Amino acid sequence: MNNVKLTREQKDAQIRKEAKATFILFAICLVWNVVTAYGLSGTGIRIGGLPLWWLLSTPGMFVIAVVGVVYLLKKVFVNFDLNDEPEGGAGDAE
């Protein structure tokens, strides 16, 4: 993948955007897990011998997390170099 050229301010803004999006996905997964695990634990419904609350909370959260990460990778994250030195700078001299 090609690195995108960003200014220092753009890099800082992108890092904050990526961190915020990741936290939002984490919060969605946490809320999903808590609501389904505790909200459905007393129903007694079973599917294939497993309680419904477990099927929705654990494998369900995994699916949400994977779909969310794929979305973040395609729509939010940007490939850029964190190094502030311009190419051919002092670090390249031998």
C-alpha atoms as a PDB file:
ATOM      1  CA  MET A   1       0.000   0.000   0.000  1.00  0.00           C
ATOM      2  CA  ASN A   2       1.113   3.516  -0.668  1.00  0.00           C
ATOM      3  CA  ASN A   3       1.628   5.882   2.209  1.00  0.00           C
ATOM      4  CA  VAL A   4      -0.490   9.017   2.144  1.00  0.00           C
ATOM      5  CA  LYS A   5       1.451  12.262   2.608  1.00  0.00           C
ATOM      6  CA  LEU A   6      -0.005  14.241   5.497  1.00  0.00           C
ATOM      7  CA  THR A   7       1.101  17.306   7.405  1.00  0.00           C
ATOM      8  CA  ARG A   8       1.789  16.993  11.131  1.00  0.00           C
ATOM      9  CA  GLU A   9      -1.630  18.523  11.931  1.00  0.00           C
ATOM     10  CA  GLN A  10      -3.386  16.135   9.532  1.00  0.00           C
ATOM     11  CA  LYS A  11      -1.549  13.192  11.102  1.00  0.00           C
ATOM     12  CA  ASP A  12      -2.640  14.262  14.587  1.00  0.00           C
ATOM     13  CA  ALA A  13      -6.246  14.665  13.418  1.00  0.00           C
ATOM     14  CA  GLN A  14      -6.181  11.253  11.685  1.00  0.00           C
ATOM     15  CA  ILE A  15      -4.761   9.551  14.770  1.00  0.00           C
ATOM     16  CA  ARG A  16      -7.543  11.073  16.909  1.00  0.00           C
ATOM     17  CA  LYS A  17     -10.154  10.011  14.337  1.00  0.00           C
ATOM     18  CA  GLU A  18      -8.859   6.420  14.305  1.00  0.00           C
ATOM     19  CA  ALA A  19      -8.705   6.246  18.108  1.00  0.00           C
ATOM     20  CA  LYS A  20     -12.241   7.634  18.451  1.00  0.00           C
ATOM     21  CA  ALA A  21     -13.632   5.178  15.875  1.00  0.00           C
ATOM     22  CA  THR A  22     -11.890   2.267  17.608  1.00  0.00           C
ATOM     23  CA  PHE A  23     -13.299   3.323  20.987  1.00  0.00           C
ATOM     24  CA  ILE A  24     -16.802   3.588  19.497  1.00  0.00           C
ATOM     25  CA  LEU A  25     -16.508   0.039  18.113  1.00  0.00           C
ATOM     26  CA  PHE A  26     -15.302  -1.170  21.518  1.00  0.00           C
ATOM     27  CA  ALA A  27     -18.259   0.545  23.218  1.00  0.00           C
ATOM     28  CA  ILE A  28     -20.706  -1.044  20.754  1.00  0.00           C
ATOM     29  CA  CYS A  29     -19.229  -4.496  21.448  1.00  0.00           C
ATOM     30  CA  LEU A  30     -19.335  -3.926  25.202  1.00  0.00           C
ATOM     31  CA  VAL A  31     -22.945  -2.754  25.193  1.00  0.00           C
ATOM     32  CA  TRP A  32     -23.962  -5.657  22.912  1.00  0.00           C
ATOM     33  CA  ASN A  33     -22.284  -8.167  25.221  1.00  0.00           C
ATOM     34  CA  VAL A  34     -23.765  -6.759  28.425  1.00  0.00           C
ATOM     35  CA  VAL A  35     -27.289  -6.313  27.029  1.00  0.00           C
ATOM     36  CA  THR A  36     -27.499  -9.767  25.476  1.00  0.00           C
ATOM     37  CA  ALA A  37     -25.715 -11.649  28.266  1.00  0.00           C
ATOM     38  CA  TYR A  38     -27.551 -10.087  31.197  1.00  0.00           C
ATOM     39  CA  GLY A  39     -30.755  -9.177  29.409  1.00  0.00           C
ATOM     40  CA  LEU A  40     -31.432 -12.656  28.048  1.00  0.00           C
ATOM     41  CA  SER A  41     -29.908 -14.772  30.826  1.00  0.00           C
ATOM     42  CA  GLY A  42     -33.218 -15.395  32.566  1.00  0.00           C
ATOM     43  CA  THR A  43     -35.231 -16.421  29.509  1.00  0.00           C
ATOM     44  CA  GLY A  44     -34.244 -20.095  29.547  1.00  0.00           C
ATOM     45  CA  ILE A  45     -34.392 -20.239  25.736  1.00  0.00           C
ATOM     46  CA  ARG A  46     -31.980 -22.775  24.264  1.00  0.00           C
ATOM     47  CA  ILE A  47     -30.889 -23.344  20.676  1.00  0.00           C
ATOM     48  CA  GLY A  48     -28.939 -26.487  19.910  1.00  0.00           C
ATOM     49  CA  GLY A  49     -28.473 -27.091  23.621  1.00  0.00           C
ATOM     50  CA  LEU A  50     -26.829 -23.685  24.160  1.00  0.00           C
ATOM     51  CA  PRO A  51     -28.504 -20.806  25.972  1.00  0.00           C
ATOM     52  CA  LEU A  52     -29.700 -17.983  23.709  1.00  0.00           C
ATOM     53  CA  TRP A  53     -27.911 -15.365  25.812  1.00  0.00           C
ATOM     54  CA  TRP A  54     -24.556 -17.071  25.171  1.00  0.00           C
ATOM     55  CA  LEU A  55     -25.154 -17.476  21.427  1.00  0.00           C
ATOM     56  CA  LEU A  56     -25.980 -13.795  21.047  1.00  0.00           C
ATOM     57  CA  SER A  57     -23.421 -12.372  23.440  1.00  0.00           C
ATOM     58  CA  THR A  58     -20.228 -14.283  22.648  1.00  0.00           C
ATOM     59  CA  PRO A  59     -20.298 -15.392  18.998  1.00  0.00           C
ATOM     60  CA  GLY A  60     -22.569 -12.439  18.195  1.00  0.00           C
ATOM     61  CA  MET A  61     -20.082  -9.963  19.612  1.00  0.00           C
ATOM     62  CA  PHE A  62     -17.273 -11.650  17.661  1.00  0.00           C
ATOM     63  CA  VAL A  63     -19.210 -11.144  14.413  1.00  0.00           C
ATOM     64  CA  ILE A  64     -19.901  -7.497  15.274  1.00  0.00           C
ATOM     65  CA  ALA A  65     -16.222  -6.949  16.112  1.00  0.00           C
ATOM     66  CA  VAL A  66     -14.974  -8.518  12.863  1.00  0.00           C
ATOM     67  CA  VAL A  67     -17.454  -6.572  10.728  1.00  0.00           C
ATOM     68  CA  GLY A  68     -16.538  -3.395  12.623  1.00  0.00           C
ATOM     69  CA  VAL A  69     -12.806  -3.887  12.168  1.00  0.00           C
ATOM     70  CA  VAL A  70     -13.241  -4.532   8.433  1.00  0.00           C
ATOM     71  CA  TYR A  71     -15.281  -1.315   8.204  1.00  0.00           C
ATOM     72  CA  LEU A  72     -12.625   0.630  10.127  1.00  0.00           C
ATOM     73  CA  LEU A  73      -9.853  -0.703   7.898  1.00  0.00           C
ATOM     74  CA  LYS A  74     -11.695   0.190   4.702  1.00  0.00           C
ATOM     75  CA  LYS A  75     -13.303   3.522   5.666  1.00  0.00           C
ATOM     76  CA  VAL A  76     -11.484   5.092   8.627  1.00  0.00           C
ATOM     77  CA  PHE A  77      -7.849   4.016   8.854  1.00  0.00           C
ATOM     78  CA  VAL A  78      -5.269   5.635   6.579  1.00  0.00           C
ATOM     79  CA  ASN A  79      -1.797   4.292   5.818  1.00  0.00           C
ATOM     80  CA  PHE A  80       0.690   7.076   6.540  1.00  0.00           C
ATOM     81  CA  ASP A  81       4.241   7.369   7.832  1.00  0.00           C
ATOM     82  CA  LEU A  82       4.546   8.598  11.411  1.00  0.00           C
ATOM     83  CA  ASN A  83       8.091   9.833  10.769  1.00  0.00           C
ATOM     84  CA  ASP A  84       8.221  13.640  10.460  1.00  0.00           C
ATOM     85  CA  GLU A  85      11.538  13.730   8.590  1.00  0.00           C
ATOM     86  CA  PRO A  86      11.271  14.513   4.884  1.00  0.00           C
ATOM     87  CA  GLU A  87      12.620  11.876   2.497  1.00  0.00           C
ATOM     88  CA  GLY A  88      16.325  12.291   1.836  1.00  0.00           C
ATOM     89  CA  GLY A  89      16.730  14.047   5.203  1.00  0.00           C
ATOM     90  CA  ALA A  90      19.577  13.876   7.677  1.00  0.00           C
ATOM     91  CA  GLY A  91      18.736  10.285   8.601  1.00  0.00           C
ATOM     92  CA  ASP A  92      19.744   9.038   5.146  1.00  0.00           C
ATOM     93  CA  ALA A  93      23.336  10.387   5.216  1.00  0.00           C
ATOM     94  CA  GLU A  94      26.057   7.808   5.645  1.00  0.00           C
END
